[in-house]
Amino acid sequence: QRVLELGADIVNDINALQAPGALDAVAGFPSAGVCLMHKRGDPATMQQRPAYDDVVAEVAAFLRERLQALQVRGIAAERVTLDPGIGFGKSVEHNLELLRRQHELLALGRPLLLGWSRKSTLGALTGRDVGERLPASLAAALAAVQRGARIVRVHDVAATVDALKVWGAAGLVPVPESAAEE
């Protein structure tokens, strides 16, 4: 509520507006965007043996339900971006399955935000410490964009923009106007 009163343009909520009063706060500011993220558990325990029957189907169902809750509250779908929560209560294999089947999340009809930058999954795949994960982070960001992500959350903005520019120049992915201007 307070950040919206101060003029925030978007609320990026790792709890997908499930906290008491969160839907009302966002509904009261019709020009603010919303990013709904999936996570299982709380940050202190969410990585302790995460289990899903079908991670993509379960994440999609959760995001669909939250999107519907917003729409019932009068929050237009056009304001909403969805984040499957890479690394938030998910194993390495869960995260990779979300990437492989990202098209199923696109079927929800909203832009996707993916945050692969420096994640532990990348460390597990490469054996690199968090400060040495730039190449893996770039590869993951490019893969996410290639599969339809509209937004990538990154730590290394300039390097990611450069990588996207090269891919765009090669005709592999469109270069977003904001990236082309930097």
C-alpha atoms as a PDB file:
ATOM      1  CA  GLN A   1       0.000   0.000   0.000  1.00  0.00           C
ATOM      2  CA  ARG A   2       2.686   2.448   1.016  1.00  0.00           C
ATOM      3  CA  VAL A   3       4.884   2.007  -2.060  1.00  0.00           C
ATOM      4  CA  LEU A   4       1.859   2.428  -4.300  1.00  0.00           C
ATOM      5  CA  GLU A   5       1.001   5.657  -2.471  1.00  0.00           C
ATOM      6  CA  LEU A   6       4.574   6.804  -3.133  1.00  0.00           C
ATOM      7  CA  GLY A   7       4.132   6.192  -6.872  1.00  0.00           C
ATOM      8  CA  ALA A   8       5.400   2.674  -7.553  1.00  0.00           C
ATOM      9  CA  ASP A   9       4.604   1.582 -11.104  1.00  0.00           C
ATOM     10  CA  ILE A  10       4.525  -2.157 -10.422  1.00  0.00           C
ATOM     11  CA  VAL A  11       4.110  -4.529  -7.503  1.00  0.00           C
ATOM     12  CA  ASN A  12       6.253  -7.648  -7.801  1.00  0.00           C
ATOM     13  CA  ASP A  13       4.850  -9.953  -5.131  1.00  0.00           C
ATOM     14  CA  ILE A  14       6.483 -13.286  -4.338  1.00  0.00           C
ATOM     15  CA  ASN A  15       3.260 -14.167  -2.487  1.00  0.00           C
ATOM     16  CA  ALA A  16       1.029 -13.500  -5.525  1.00  0.00           C
ATOM     17  CA  LEU A  17      -1.141 -11.035  -3.556  1.00  0.00           C
ATOM     18  CA  GLN A  18      -2.341 -13.688  -1.110  1.00  0.00           C
ATOM     19  CA  ALA A  19      -1.623 -11.608   2.012  1.00  0.00           C
ATOM     20  CA  PRO A  20      -4.655 -10.028   3.693  1.00  0.00           C
ATOM     21  CA  GLY A  21      -5.414  -6.672   2.068  1.00  0.00           C
ATOM     22  CA  ALA A  22      -2.978  -7.135  -0.833  1.00  0.00           C
ATOM     23  CA  LEU A  23      -5.676  -7.440  -3.498  1.00  0.00           C
ATOM     24  CA  ASP A  24      -7.467  -4.374  -2.160  1.00  0.00           C
ATOM     25  CA  ALA A  25      -4.252  -2.350  -2.116  1.00  0.00           C
ATOM     26  CA  VAL A  26      -3.480  -3.141  -5.750  1.00  0.00           C
ATOM     27  CA  ALA A  27      -7.099  -2.679  -6.845  1.00  0.00           C
ATOM     28  CA  GLY A  28      -6.987   0.844  -5.419  1.00  0.00           C
ATOM     29  CA  PHE A  29      -4.232   1.852  -7.850  1.00  0.00           C
ATOM     30  CA  PRO A  30      -5.541   0.968 -11.320  1.00  0.00           C
ATOM     31  CA  SER A  31      -2.477   2.232 -13.178  1.00  0.00           C
ATOM     32  CA  ALA A  32      -0.017  -0.002 -11.301  1.00  0.00           C
ATOM     33  CA  GLY A  33       1.176  -3.219 -12.872  1.00  0.00           C
ATOM     34  CA  VAL A  34       1.342  -6.485 -10.960  1.00  0.00           C
ATOM     35  CA  CYS A  35       3.724  -9.417 -11.122  1.00  0.00           C
ATOM     36  CA  LEU A  36       2.413 -12.600  -9.519  1.00  0.00           C
ATOM     37  CA  MET A  37       5.044 -15.169  -8.594  1.00  0.00           C
ATOM     38  CA  HIS A  38       4.666 -18.823  -7.696  1.00  0.00           C
ATOM     39  CA  LYS A  39       6.558 -20.203  -4.726  1.00  0.00           C
ATOM     40  CA  ARG A  40       5.994 -23.202  -2.567  1.00  0.00           C
ATOM     41  CA  GLY A  41       6.639 -22.812   1.143  1.00  0.00           C
ATOM     42  CA  ASP A  42       8.458 -19.972   2.827  1.00  0.00           C
ATOM     43  CA  PRO A  43      12.012 -18.794   2.115  1.00  0.00           C
ATOM     44  CA  ALA A  44      13.433 -20.533   5.189  1.00  0.00           C
ATOM     45  CA  THR A  45      12.171 -23.994   4.228  1.00  0.00           C
ATOM     46  CA  MET A  46      11.098 -23.945   0.580  1.00  0.00           C
ATOM     47  CA  GLN A  47      14.165 -25.760  -0.746  1.00  0.00           C
ATOM     48  CA  GLN A  48      13.834 -28.709   1.641  1.00  0.00           C
ATOM     49  CA  ARG A  49      12.689 -31.559  -0.613  1.00  0.00           C
ATOM     50  CA  PRO A  50      10.305 -29.692  -2.934  1.00  0.00           C
ATOM     51  CA  ALA A  51       7.903 -32.153  -4.561  1.00  0.00           C
ATOM     52  CA  TYR A  52       5.411 -31.894  -7.405  1.00  0.00           C
ATOM     53  CA  ASP A  53       3.495 -34.464  -9.422  1.00  0.00           C
ATOM     54  CA  ASP A  54       3.788 -32.157 -12.454  1.00  0.00           C
ATOM     55  CA  VAL A  55       5.589 -28.915 -11.670  1.00  0.00           C
ATOM     56  CA  VAL A  56       4.451 -27.090 -14.814  1.00  0.00           C
ATOM     57  CA  ALA A  57       0.805 -28.060 -14.424  1.00  0.00           C
ATOM     58  CA  GLU A  58       0.820 -27.137 -10.728  1.00  0.00           C
ATOM     59  CA  VAL A  59       2.557 -23.788 -11.264  1.00  0.00           C
ATOM     60  CA  ALA A  60       0.182 -22.993 -14.145  1.00  0.00           C
ATOM     61  CA  ALA A  61      -2.864 -23.904 -12.036  1.00  0.00           C
ATOM     62  CA  PHE A  62      -1.671 -21.702  -9.181  1.00  0.00           C
ATOM     63  CA  LEU A  63      -0.972 -18.730 -11.459  1.00  0.00           C
ATOM     64  CA  ARG A  64      -4.319 -19.213 -13.238  1.00  0.00           C
ATOM     65  CA  GLU A  65      -6.139 -19.214  -9.881  1.00  0.00           C
ATOM     66  CA  ARG A  66      -4.332 -16.069  -8.730  1.00  0.00           C
ATOM     67  CA  LEU A  67      -5.007 -14.332 -12.050  1.00  0.00           C
ATOM     68  CA  GLN A  68      -8.704 -15.182 -11.678  1.00  0.00           C
ATOM     69  CA  ALA A  69      -8.708 -13.865  -8.088  1.00  0.00           C
ATOM     70  CA  LEU A  70      -7.381 -10.542  -9.351  1.00  0.00           C
ATOM     71  CA  GLN A  71      -9.937 -10.379 -12.122  1.00  0.00           C
ATOM     72  CA  VAL A  72     -12.775 -11.076  -9.660  1.00  0.00           C
ATOM     73  CA  ARG A  73     -11.471  -8.133  -7.609  1.00  0.00           C
ATOM     74  CA  GLY A  74     -11.621  -5.933 -10.721  1.00  0.00           C
ATOM     75  CA  ILE A  75      -7.907  -5.911 -11.505  1.00  0.00           C
ATOM     76  CA  ALA A  76      -7.576  -6.086 -15.289  1.00  0.00           C
ATOM     77  CA  ALA A  77      -5.574  -8.982 -16.705  1.00  0.00           C
ATOM     78  CA  GLU A  78      -3.679  -6.486 -18.875  1.00  0.00           C
ATOM     79  CA  ARG A  79      -1.968  -5.221 -15.706  1.00  0.00           C
ATOM     80  CA  VAL A  80      -0.571  -8.648 -14.801  1.00  0.00           C
ATOM     81  CA  THR A  81       2.728 -10.377 -15.521  1.00  0.00           C
ATOM     82  CA  LEU A  82       3.350 -13.931 -14.307  1.00  0.00           C
ATOM     83  CA  ASP A  83       6.524 -15.374 -12.790  1.00  0.00           C
ATOM     84  CA  PRO A  84       6.855 -19.155 -12.301  1.00  0.00           C
ATOM     85  CA  GLY A  85       9.357 -18.543  -9.484  1.00  0.00           C
ATOM     86  CA  ILE A  86      12.527 -20.230 -10.672  1.00  0.00           C
ATOM     87  CA  GLY A  87      14.319 -21.458  -7.552  1.00  0.00           C
ATOM     88  CA  PHE A  88      11.462 -20.749  -5.158  1.00  0.00           C
ATOM     89  CA  GLY A  89      10.517 -24.136  -3.748  1.00  0.00           C
ATOM     90  CA  LYS A  90      11.754 -26.040  -6.780  1.00  0.00           C
ATOM     91  CA  SER A  91      14.546 -28.505  -7.468  1.00  0.00           C
ATOM     92  CA  VAL A  92      17.045 -28.277 -10.321  1.00  0.00           C
ATOM     93  CA  GLU A  93      14.891 -30.635 -12.374  1.00  0.00           C
ATOM     94  CA  HIS A  94      11.715 -28.661 -11.591  1.00  0.00           C
ATOM     95  CA  ASN A  95      13.354 -25.440 -12.787  1.00  0.00           C
ATOM     96  CA  LEU A  96      14.589 -27.075 -15.993  1.00  0.00           C
ATOM     97  CA  GLU A  97      11.154 -28.564 -16.643  1.00  0.00           C
ATOM     98  CA  LEU A  98       9.620 -25.095 -16.281  1.00  0.00           C
ATOM     99  CA  LEU A  99      12.059 -23.818 -18.903  1.00  0.00           C
ATOM    100  CA  ARG A 100      11.500 -26.766 -21.264  1.00  0.00           C
ATOM    101  CA  ARG A 101       7.720 -26.421 -21.023  1.00  0.00           C
ATOM    102  CA  GLN A 102       7.535 -22.645 -20.726  1.00  0.00           C
ATOM    103  CA  HIS A 103       5.076 -22.586 -23.652  1.00  0.00           C
ATOM    104  CA  GLU A 104       2.472 -24.112 -21.337  1.00  0.00           C
ATOM    105  CA  LEU A 105       2.751 -21.097 -19.039  1.00  0.00           C
ATOM    106  CA  LEU A 106       2.424 -18.753 -22.027  1.00  0.00           C
ATOM    107  CA  ALA A 107      -0.971 -20.352 -22.626  1.00  0.00           C
ATOM    108  CA  LEU A 108      -2.193 -18.392 -19.585  1.00  0.00           C
ATOM    109  CA  GLY A 109      -2.205 -15.384 -21.898  1.00  0.00           C
ATOM    110  CA  ARG A 110      -0.055 -13.051 -19.831  1.00  0.00           C
ATOM    111  CA  PRO A 111       3.570 -11.963 -20.251  1.00  0.00           C
ATOM    112  CA  LEU A 112       6.103 -14.075 -18.388  1.00  0.00           C
ATOM    113  CA  LEU A 113       8.922 -12.827 -16.199  1.00  0.00           C
ATOM    114  CA  LEU A 114      11.779 -15.282 -15.667  1.00  0.00           C
ATOM    115  CA  GLY A 115      14.536 -14.827 -13.109  1.00  0.00           C
ATOM    116  CA  TRP A 116      17.374 -17.256 -13.804  1.00  0.00           C
ATOM    117  CA  SER A 117      20.239 -14.902 -12.978  1.00  0.00           C
ATOM    118  CA  ARG A 118      22.844 -16.514 -10.694  1.00  0.00           C
ATOM    119  CA  LYS A 119      20.353 -19.126  -9.423  1.00  0.00           C
ATOM    120  CA  SER A 120      21.548 -22.222  -7.582  1.00  0.00           C
ATOM    121  CA  THR A 121      20.267 -24.396 -10.427  1.00  0.00           C
ATOM    122  CA  LEU A 122      22.894 -22.784 -12.637  1.00  0.00           C
ATOM    123  CA  GLY A 123      25.512 -23.541  -9.986  1.00  0.00           C
ATOM    124  CA  ALA A 124      24.380 -27.160  -9.841  1.00  0.00           C
ATOM    125  CA  LEU A 125      24.647 -27.463 -13.624  1.00  0.00           C
ATOM    126  CA  THR A 126      28.034 -25.748 -13.958  1.00  0.00           C
ATOM    127  CA  GLY A 127      29.722 -26.298 -10.618  1.00  0.00           C
ATOM    128  CA  ARG A 128      30.292 -22.536 -10.407  1.00  0.00           C
ATOM    129  CA  ASP A 129      29.978 -20.340  -7.337  1.00  0.00           C
ATOM    130  CA  VAL A 130      27.378 -17.576  -7.430  1.00  0.00           C
ATOM    131  CA  GLY A 131      29.879 -14.908  -8.535  1.00  0.00           C
ATOM    132  CA  GLU A 132      30.992 -17.040 -11.482  1.00  0.00           C
ATOM    133  CA  ARG A 133      27.607 -17.703 -13.052  1.00  0.00           C
ATOM    134  CA  LEU A 134      27.457 -14.932 -15.660  1.00  0.00           C
ATOM    135  CA  PRO A 135      27.802 -17.221 -18.720  1.00  0.00           C
ATOM    136  CA  ALA A 136      25.170 -19.614 -17.364  1.00  0.00           C
ATOM    137  CA  SER A 137      22.897 -16.702 -16.450  1.00  0.00           C
ATOM    138  CA  LEU A 138      23.183 -15.314 -19.984  1.00  0.00           C
ATOM    139  CA  ALA A 139      22.428 -18.705 -21.512  1.00  0.00           C
ATOM    140  CA  ALA A 140      19.391 -19.169 -19.276  1.00  0.00           C
ATOM    141  CA  ALA A 141      18.091 -15.655 -20.013  1.00  0.00           C
ATOM    142  CA  LEU A 142      18.472 -16.204 -23.754  1.00  0.00           C
ATOM    143  CA  ALA A 143      16.744 -19.577 -23.541  1.00  0.00           C
ATOM    144  CA  ALA A 144      13.867 -18.038 -21.570  1.00  0.00           C
ATOM    145  CA  VAL A 145      13.473 -15.198 -24.073  1.00  0.00           C
ATOM    146  CA  GLN A 146      13.703 -17.620 -26.999  1.00  0.00           C
ATOM    147  CA  ARG A 147      10.853 -19.575 -25.408  1.00  0.00           C
ATOM    148  CA  GLY A 148       8.695 -16.471 -25.044  1.00  0.00           C
ATOM    149  CA  ALA A 149       9.619 -14.686 -21.797  1.00  0.00           C
ATOM    150  CA  ARG A 150       8.903 -10.984 -22.144  1.00  0.00           C
ATOM    151  CA  ILE A 151      10.893  -9.924 -19.067  1.00  0.00           C
ATOM    152  CA  VAL A 152      14.088 -11.341 -17.593  1.00  0.00           C
ATOM    153  CA  ARG A 153      15.233 -10.405 -14.110  1.00  0.00           C
ATOM    154  CA  VAL A 154      19.006 -10.181 -14.142  1.00  0.00           C
ATOM    155  CA  HIS A 155      21.917  -8.982 -12.055  1.00  0.00           C
ATOM    156  CA  ASP A 156      24.223  -8.240 -14.997  1.00  0.00           C
ATOM    157  CA  VAL A 157      22.085  -5.877 -17.051  1.00  0.00           C
ATOM    158  CA  ALA A 158      24.700  -4.640 -19.554  1.00  0.00           C
ATOM    159  CA  ALA A 159      25.935  -8.155 -20.368  1.00  0.00           C
ATOM    160  CA  THR A 160      22.375  -9.421 -20.815  1.00  0.00           C
ATOM    161  CA  VAL A 161      21.434  -6.492 -23.045  1.00  0.00           C
ATOM    162  CA  ASP A 162      24.534  -7.166 -25.177  1.00  0.00           C
ATOM    163  CA  ALA A 163      23.636 -10.847 -25.495  1.00  0.00           C
ATOM    164  CA  LEU A 164      20.065  -9.979 -26.490  1.00  0.00           C
ATOM    165  CA  LYS A 165      21.317  -7.439 -29.049  1.00  0.00           C
ATOM    166  CA  VAL A 166      23.510 -10.082 -30.696  1.00  0.00           C
ATOM    167  CA  TRP A 167      20.641 -12.572 -30.762  1.00  0.00           C
ATOM    168  CA  GLY A 168      18.334  -9.878 -32.121  1.00  0.00           C
ATOM    169  CA  ALA A 169      20.809  -8.927 -34.848  1.00  0.00           C
ATOM    170  CA  ALA A 170      20.985 -12.584 -35.859  1.00  0.00           C
ATOM    171  CA  GLY A 171      17.182 -12.688 -36.047  1.00  0.00           C
ATOM    172  CA  LEU A 172      16.919 -15.166 -33.197  1.00  0.00           C
ATOM    173  CA  VAL A 173      14.840 -13.016 -30.861  1.00  0.00           C
ATOM    174  CA  PRO A 174      13.321  -9.571 -31.150  1.00  0.00           C
ATOM    175  CA  VAL A 175      15.251  -6.877 -29.327  1.00  0.00           C
ATOM    176  CA  PRO A 176      12.920  -5.073 -26.904  1.00  0.00           C
ATOM    177  CA  GLU A 177      12.826  -1.328 -27.514  1.00  0.00           C
ATOM    178  CA  SER A 178      14.039  -0.632 -23.962  1.00  0.00           C
ATOM    179  CA  ALA A 179      17.092  -2.858 -24.460  1.00  0.00           C
ATOM    180  CA  ALA A 180      17.881  -1.306 -27.826  1.00  0.00           C
ATOM    181  CA  GLU A 181      17.905   2.162 -26.259  1.00  0.00           C
ATOM    182  CA  GLU A 182      20.443   1.349 -23.550  1.00  0.00           C
END
